[in-house]
Amino acid sequence: MATISVVPRRPLLALPFLLPSWCESATVTPRRNQSSYRRTKQRLRVKPDASFGPSDQPRDGIIFNPPSSAPSVYHTPTKFLPPDDVRRTLRQDTSEQAAEPDFPPVFNKTQEKKYHLTPADIEEIRRLRLGDPMTWSRWKLAKRFQCSPIFIAMVCEASPQKKEIQKQVLEAVQSRWGVKRRMAREDRQLRKQAWSSDE
């Protein structure tokens, strides 16, 4: 009879390629994390500024140590400047100049409403708008009669021919829309309907 020799099995920890990743991180720390940790720790080893260290002179507890930046008169607060410092006079000069700023006004002046159109002008607007709507648009009429396009829209509507032309142009533009744009426009209309019904 042939004898079967039993080979002793190696422990599972001796075969790291069979272990899952979470088990590997628990047993063996990756070198990459160690090196990045060491590098970060070395960069954080920065000596504190001399003003933060102990000194022989007594301090009142206020330490002013600003970060490095471009030199300016306002770099050091006035409280920390000596009485005979030149920067005090420079600061006074600049403060006097800044007392009278020459800035433009924040808000634009509101234009006063004009009520200069007569009933004859309104009839002329309606005649031009209905006679040749392609030439006399709302903007051209507003510019000619020195009023707003909203007033032109309130005074007269476009002719049925102009509305039909605008409808045809809109249909031609919508025929080039893709699926996404068409769905987005339909969603917009549904949202507007929901706003009006307060949903």
C-alpha atoms as a PDB file:
ATOM      1  CA  MET A   1       0.000   0.000   0.000  1.00  0.00           C
ATOM      2  CA  ALA A   2       1.174   3.448  -0.808  1.00  0.00           C
ATOM      3  CA  THR A   3       1.405   5.882   2.050  1.00  0.00           C
ATOM      4  CA  ILE A   4       0.114   9.411   1.613  1.00  0.00           C
ATOM      5  CA  SER A   5       2.445  12.002   3.029  1.00  0.00           C
ATOM      6  CA  VAL A   6       0.687  14.940   4.643  1.00  0.00           C
ATOM      7  CA  VAL A   7       2.370  18.297   4.049  1.00  0.00           C
ATOM      8  CA  PRO A   8       1.847  20.720   6.918  1.00  0.00           C
ATOM      9  CA  ARG A   9      -0.187  23.740   5.848  1.00  0.00           C
ATOM     10  CA  ARG A  10       1.324  27.204   6.129  1.00  0.00           C
ATOM     11  CA  PRO A  11      -0.531  29.658   8.320  1.00  0.00           C
ATOM     12  CA  LEU A  12      -2.798  32.099   6.557  1.00  0.00           C
ATOM     13  CA  LEU A  13      -0.830  35.128   7.807  1.00  0.00           C
ATOM     14  CA  ALA A  14       2.256  33.840   6.019  1.00  0.00           C
ATOM     15  CA  LEU A  15       0.467  34.278   2.681  1.00  0.00           C
ATOM     16  CA  PRO A  16      -0.289  38.021   2.534  1.00  0.00           C
ATOM     17  CA  PHE A  17      -1.554  37.920  -1.067  1.00  0.00           C
ATOM     18  CA  LEU A  18      -4.498  35.801   0.090  1.00  0.00           C
ATOM     19  CA  LEU A  19      -5.569  38.277   2.772  1.00  0.00           C
ATOM     20  CA  PRO A  20      -8.202  40.902   2.033  1.00  0.00           C
ATOM     21  CA  SER A  21      -7.126  44.516   1.816  1.00  0.00           C
ATOM     22  CA  TRP A  22      -8.643  45.495   5.186  1.00  0.00           C
ATOM     23  CA  CYS A  23      -6.695  42.751   6.919  1.00  0.00           C
ATOM     24  CA  GLU A  24      -3.453  43.823   5.234  1.00  0.00           C
ATOM     25  CA  SER A  25      -3.829  47.390   6.403  1.00  0.00           C
ATOM     26  CA  ALA A  26      -4.415  46.155   9.945  1.00  0.00           C
ATOM     27  CA  THR A  27      -1.248  44.063  10.074  1.00  0.00           C
ATOM     28  CA  VAL A  28       1.261  45.784   7.780  1.00  0.00           C
ATOM     29  CA  THR A  29       1.364  49.584   7.524  1.00  0.00           C
ATOM     30  CA  PRO A  30       1.972  50.670   3.934  1.00  0.00           C
ATOM     31  CA  ARG A  31       5.263  52.489   3.389  1.00  0.00           C
ATOM     32  CA  ARG A  32       3.643  55.169   1.286  1.00  0.00           C
ATOM     33  CA  ASN A  33       1.528  56.382   4.193  1.00  0.00           C
ATOM     34  CA  GLN A  34       4.572  56.313   6.480  1.00  0.00           C
ATOM     35  CA  SER A  35       6.645  58.419   4.105  1.00  0.00           C
ATOM     36  CA  SER A  36       3.916  60.994   3.586  1.00  0.00           C
ATOM     37  CA  TYR A  37       3.385  61.201   7.351  1.00  0.00           C
ATOM     38  CA  ARG A  38       7.128  61.707   7.897  1.00  0.00           C
ATOM     39  CA  ARG A  39       7.272  64.357   5.183  1.00  0.00           C
ATOM     40  CA  THR A  40       4.333  66.266   6.654  1.00  0.00           C
ATOM     41  CA  LYS A  41       5.801  66.087  10.123  1.00  0.00           C
ATOM     42  CA  GLN A  42       9.129  67.449   8.913  1.00  0.00           C
ATOM     43  CA  ARG A  43       7.425  70.377   7.183  1.00  0.00           C
ATOM     44  CA  LEU A  44       5.540  71.226  10.345  1.00  0.00           C
ATOM     45  CA  ARG A  45       8.795  71.516  12.319  1.00  0.00           C
ATOM     46  CA  VAL A  46       9.061  75.272  11.897  1.00  0.00           C
ATOM     47  CA  LYS A  47      10.784  77.324  14.522  1.00  0.00           C
ATOM     48  CA  PRO A  48       8.529  79.932  16.107  1.00  0.00           C
ATOM     49  CA  ASP A  49       9.217  83.584  15.489  1.00  0.00           C
ATOM     50  CA  ALA A  50      11.576  85.335  17.878  1.00  0.00           C
ATOM     51  CA  SER A  51       8.794  87.590  19.096  1.00  0.00           C
ATOM     52  CA  PHE A  52       6.972  84.581  20.535  1.00  0.00           C
ATOM     53  CA  GLY A  53       9.944  83.371  22.528  1.00  0.00           C
ATOM     54  CA  PRO A  54      10.903  84.400  26.051  1.00  0.00           C
ATOM     55  CA  SER A  55      12.625  87.725  26.440  1.00  0.00           C
ATOM     56  CA  ASP A  56      14.321  89.525  29.298  1.00  0.00           C
ATOM     57  CA  GLN A  57      12.105  92.582  29.024  1.00  0.00           C
ATOM     58  CA  PRO A  58       8.690  92.439  30.658  1.00  0.00           C
ATOM     59  CA  ARG A  59       5.729  92.323  28.279  1.00  0.00           C
ATOM     60  CA  ASP A  60       2.223  93.647  28.620  1.00  0.00           C
ATOM     61  CA  GLY A  61       0.748  90.518  27.019  1.00  0.00           C
ATOM     62  CA  ILE A  62       0.090  91.904  23.506  1.00  0.00           C
ATOM     63  CA  ILE A  63       2.137  90.355  20.715  1.00  0.00           C
ATOM     64  CA  PHE A  64       1.818  91.848  17.253  1.00  0.00           C
ATOM     65  CA  ASN A  65       3.344  89.536  14.668  1.00  0.00           C
ATOM     66  CA  PRO A  66       1.722  90.169  11.249  1.00  0.00           C
ATOM     67  CA  PRO A  67       2.316  87.850   8.286  1.00  0.00           C
ATOM     68  CA  SER A  68       4.695  88.875   5.552  1.00  0.00           C
ATOM     69  CA  SER A  69       3.034  91.147   3.004  1.00  0.00           C
ATOM     70  CA  ALA A  70       3.692  94.191   0.859  1.00  0.00           C
ATOM     71  CA  PRO A  71       4.836  97.213   2.879  1.00  0.00           C
ATOM     72  CA  SER A  72       2.101  99.697   3.629  1.00  0.00           C
ATOM     73  CA  VAL A  73       1.504 102.639   5.911  1.00  0.00           C
ATOM     74  CA  TYR A  74      -1.340 100.688   7.496  1.00  0.00           C
ATOM     75  CA  HIS A  75       0.795  97.575   8.045  1.00  0.00           C
ATOM     76  CA  THR A  76       1.365  98.332  11.720  1.00  0.00           C
ATOM     77  CA  PRO A  77      -1.551  99.674  13.747  1.00  0.00           C
ATOM     78  CA  THR A  78      -1.158 103.156  15.175  1.00  0.00           C
ATOM     79  CA  LYS A  79      -1.270 101.790  18.681  1.00  0.00           C
ATOM     80  CA  PHE A  80       2.047  99.975  18.136  1.00  0.00           C
ATOM     81  CA  LEU A  81       3.868 102.914  16.517  1.00  0.00           C
ATOM     82  CA  PRO A  82       6.198 105.101  18.590  1.00  0.00           C
ATOM     83  CA  PRO A  83       5.060 108.720  19.084  1.00  0.00           C
ATOM     84  CA  ASP A  84       7.841 110.125  16.879  1.00  0.00           C
ATOM     85  CA  ASP A  85       7.400 107.616  14.024  1.00  0.00           C
ATOM     86  CA  VAL A  86       7.209 109.016  10.460  1.00  0.00           C
ATOM     87  CA  ARG A  87       4.391 106.619   9.581  1.00  0.00           C
ATOM     88  CA  ARG A  88       2.061 108.518  11.885  1.00  0.00           C
ATOM     89  CA  THR A  89       2.339 111.652   9.705  1.00  0.00           C
ATOM     90  CA  LEU A  90       1.962 109.608   6.510  1.00  0.00           C
ATOM     91  CA  ARG A  91      -1.138 108.011   7.909  1.00  0.00           C
ATOM     92  CA  GLN A  92      -2.622 111.393   8.788  1.00  0.00           C
ATOM     93  CA  ASP A  93      -1.964 112.679   5.251  1.00  0.00           C
ATOM     94  CA  THR A  94      -3.599 109.677   3.655  1.00  0.00           C
ATOM     95  CA  SER A  95      -6.541 109.843   6.052  1.00  0.00           C
ATOM     96  CA  GLU A  96      -7.104 113.493   5.106  1.00  0.00           C
ATOM     97  CA  GLN A  97      -7.109 112.554   1.429  1.00  0.00           C
ATOM     98  CA  ALA A  98      -9.458 109.654   2.086  1.00  0.00           C
ATOM     99  CA  ALA A  99     -11.841 111.927   3.980  1.00  0.00           C
ATOM    100  CA  GLU A 100     -13.155 113.329   0.695  1.00  0.00           C
ATOM    101  CA  PRO A 101     -13.525 110.397  -1.693  1.00  0.00           C
ATOM    102  CA  ASP A 102     -14.371 111.133  -5.287  1.00  0.00           C
ATOM    103  CA  PHE A 103     -16.503 108.073  -5.986  1.00  0.00           C
ATOM    104  CA  PRO A 104     -19.408 107.912  -8.418  1.00  0.00           C
ATOM    105  CA  PRO A 105     -22.877 107.626  -6.882  1.00  0.00           C
ATOM    106  CA  VAL A 106     -23.951 104.135  -5.945  1.00  0.00           C
ATOM    107  CA  PHE A 107     -27.441 104.313  -7.426  1.00  0.00           C
ATOM    108  CA  ASN A 108     -28.303 105.602 -10.844  1.00  0.00           C
ATOM    109  CA  LYS A 109     -30.695 108.490 -11.034  1.00  0.00           C
ATOM    110  CA  THR A 110     -34.217 107.359 -11.725  1.00  0.00           C
ATOM    111  CA  GLN A 111     -35.612 108.869 -14.857  1.00  0.00           C
ATOM    112  CA  GLU A 112     -38.700 110.951 -14.396  1.00  0.00           C
ATOM    113  CA  LYS A 113     -41.775 109.723 -16.218  1.00  0.00           C
ATOM    114  CA  LYS A 114     -42.847 111.783 -19.181  1.00  0.00           C
ATOM    115  CA  TYR A 115     -46.481 112.287 -20.039  1.00  0.00           C
ATOM    116  CA  HIS A 116     -45.895 114.051 -23.325  1.00  0.00           C
ATOM    117  CA  LEU A 117     -47.830 111.857 -25.787  1.00  0.00           C
ATOM    118  CA  THR A 118     -51.121 113.197 -27.037  1.00  0.00           C
ATOM    119  CA  PRO A 119     -54.069 111.153 -28.362  1.00  0.00           C
ATOM    120  CA  ALA A 120     -52.918 112.065 -31.894  1.00  0.00           C
ATOM    121  CA  ASP A 121     -49.491 110.509 -31.139  1.00  0.00           C
ATOM    122  CA  ILE A 122     -51.158 107.324 -29.880  1.00  0.00           C
ATOM    123  CA  GLU A 123     -53.245 107.102 -33.054  1.00  0.00           C
ATOM    124  CA  GLU A 124     -50.047 107.562 -35.100  1.00  0.00           C
ATOM    125  CA  ILE A 125     -48.370 104.734 -33.137  1.00  0.00           C
ATOM    126  CA  ARG A 126     -51.320 102.411 -33.835  1.00  0.00           C
ATOM    127  CA  ARG A 127     -51.361 103.337 -37.529  1.00  0.00           C
ATOM    128  CA  LEU A 128     -47.629 102.675 -37.990  1.00  0.00           C
ATOM    129  CA  ARG A 129     -47.723  99.466 -35.981  1.00  0.00           C
ATOM    130  CA  LEU A 130     -50.663  97.988 -37.887  1.00  0.00           C
ATOM    131  CA  GLY A 131     -49.539  99.314 -41.275  1.00  0.00           C
ATOM    132  CA  ASP A 132     -45.978  97.910 -41.355  1.00  0.00           C
ATOM    133  CA  PRO A 133     -45.256  95.785 -38.261  1.00  0.00           C
ATOM    134  CA  MET A 134     -41.953  94.429 -39.635  1.00  0.00           C
ATOM    135  CA  THR A 135     -40.458  97.901 -40.005  1.00  0.00           C
ATOM    136  CA  TRP A 136     -42.067  99.544 -36.992  1.00  0.00           C
ATOM    137  CA  SER A 137     -41.231  97.266 -34.105  1.00  0.00           C
ATOM    138  CA  ARG A 138     -41.920  98.205 -30.505  1.00  0.00           C
ATOM    139  CA  TRP A 139     -38.302  99.323 -30.014  1.00  0.00           C
ATOM    140  CA  LYS A 140     -38.301 101.599 -33.079  1.00  0.00           C
ATOM    141  CA  LEU A 141     -41.610 103.155 -32.114  1.00  0.00           C
ATOM    142  CA  ALA A 142     -40.387 103.679 -28.540  1.00  0.00           C
ATOM    143  CA  LYS A 143     -37.248 105.376 -29.831  1.00  0.00           C
ATOM    144  CA  ARG A 144     -39.192 107.613 -32.205  1.00  0.00           C
ATOM    145  CA  PHE A 145     -41.815 108.718 -29.683  1.00  0.00           C
ATOM    146  CA  GLN A 146     -39.384 108.751 -26.700  1.00  0.00           C
ATOM    147  CA  CYS A 147     -41.287 106.308 -24.530  1.00  0.00           C
ATOM    148  CA  SER A 148     -40.829 102.750 -23.287  1.00  0.00           C
ATOM    149  CA  PRO A 149     -41.549  99.609 -25.361  1.00  0.00           C
ATOM    150  CA  ILE A 150     -43.917  98.503 -22.593  1.00  0.00           C
ATOM    151  CA  PHE A 151     -46.064 101.580 -23.272  1.00  0.00           C
ATOM    152  CA  ILE A 152     -46.112 100.730 -26.999  1.00  0.00           C
ATOM    153  CA  ALA A 153     -47.291  97.201 -26.134  1.00  0.00           C
ATOM    154  CA  MET A 154     -50.051  98.627 -23.927  1.00  0.00           C
ATOM    155  CA  VAL A 155     -51.204 101.070 -26.600  1.00  0.00           C
ATOM    156  CA  CYS A 156     -51.423  98.627 -29.528  1.00  0.00           C
ATOM    157  CA  GLU A 157     -50.883  94.969 -30.338  1.00  0.00           C
ATOM    158  CA  ALA A 158     -49.115  93.512 -33.324  1.00  0.00           C
ATOM    159  CA  SER A 159     -51.140  92.730 -36.412  1.00  0.00           C
ATOM    160  CA  PRO A 160     -52.358  89.144 -37.036  1.00  0.00           C
ATOM    161  CA  GLN A 161     -49.863  88.827 -39.933  1.00  0.00           C
ATOM    162  CA  LYS A 162     -46.959  89.684 -37.596  1.00  0.00           C
ATOM    163  CA  LYS A 163     -48.184  87.164 -35.016  1.00  0.00           C
ATOM    164  CA  GLU A 164     -48.407  84.480 -37.698  1.00  0.00           C
ATOM    165  CA  ILE A 165     -44.855  85.225 -38.880  1.00  0.00           C
ATOM    166  CA  GLN A 166     -43.559  85.046 -35.304  1.00  0.00           C
ATOM    167  CA  LYS A 167     -45.370  81.734 -34.809  1.00  0.00           C
ATOM    168  CA  GLN A 168     -43.769  80.290 -37.966  1.00  0.00           C
ATOM    169  CA  VAL A 169     -40.309  81.447 -36.855  1.00  0.00           C
ATOM    170  CA  LEU A 170     -40.839  79.840 -33.446  1.00  0.00           C
ATOM    171  CA  GLU A 171     -41.942  76.554 -35.044  1.00  0.00           C
ATOM    172  CA  ALA A 172     -38.850  76.577 -37.295  1.00  0.00           C
ATOM    173  CA  VAL A 173     -36.609  77.087 -34.265  1.00  0.00           C
ATOM    174  CA  GLN A 174     -38.377  74.366 -32.268  1.00  0.00           C
ATOM    175  CA  SER A 175     -38.042  71.899 -35.165  1.00  0.00           C
ATOM    176  CA  ARG A 176     -34.251  71.966 -34.654  1.00  0.00           C
ATOM    177  CA  TRP A 177     -34.502  71.139 -30.942  1.00  0.00           C
ATOM    178  CA  GLY A 178     -33.226  67.802 -29.697  1.00  0.00           C
ATOM    179  CA  VAL A 179     -34.867  65.487 -27.190  1.00  0.00           C
ATOM    180  CA  LYS A 180     -33.112  67.002 -24.157  1.00  0.00           C
ATOM    181  CA  ARG A 181     -33.989  70.594 -24.985  1.00  0.00           C
ATOM    182  CA  ARG A 182     -37.600  69.708 -25.771  1.00  0.00           C
ATOM    183  CA  MET A 183     -37.937  67.841 -22.476  1.00  0.00           C
ATOM    184  CA  ALA A 184     -36.335  70.756 -20.595  1.00  0.00           C
ATOM    185  CA  ARG A 185     -38.795  73.245 -22.134  1.00  0.00           C
ATOM    186  CA  GLU A 186     -41.739  70.971 -21.308  1.00  0.00           C
ATOM    187  CA  ASP A 187     -40.493  70.673 -17.725  1.00  0.00           C
ATOM    188  CA  ARG A 188     -40.245  74.466 -17.550  1.00  0.00           C
ATOM    189  CA  GLN A 189     -43.862  74.810 -18.671  1.00  0.00           C
ATOM    190  CA  LEU A 190     -44.962  72.252 -16.069  1.00  0.00           C
ATOM    191  CA  ARG A 191     -43.089  74.169 -13.362  1.00  0.00           C
ATOM    192  CA  LYS A 192     -44.786  77.422 -14.380  1.00  0.00           C
ATOM    193  CA  GLN A 193     -48.174  75.722 -14.221  1.00  0.00           C
ATOM    194  CA  ALA A 194     -47.305  74.408 -10.766  1.00  0.00           C
ATOM    195  CA  TRP A 195     -46.313  77.928  -9.646  1.00  0.00           C
ATOM    196  CA  SER A 196     -49.621  79.356 -10.800  1.00  0.00           C
ATOM    197  CA  SER A 197     -51.572  76.648  -8.972  1.00  0.00           C
ATOM    198  CA  ASP A 198     -49.332  77.032  -5.874  1.00  0.00           C
ATOM    199  CA  GLU A 199     -48.189  73.404  -5.746  1.00  0.00           C
END
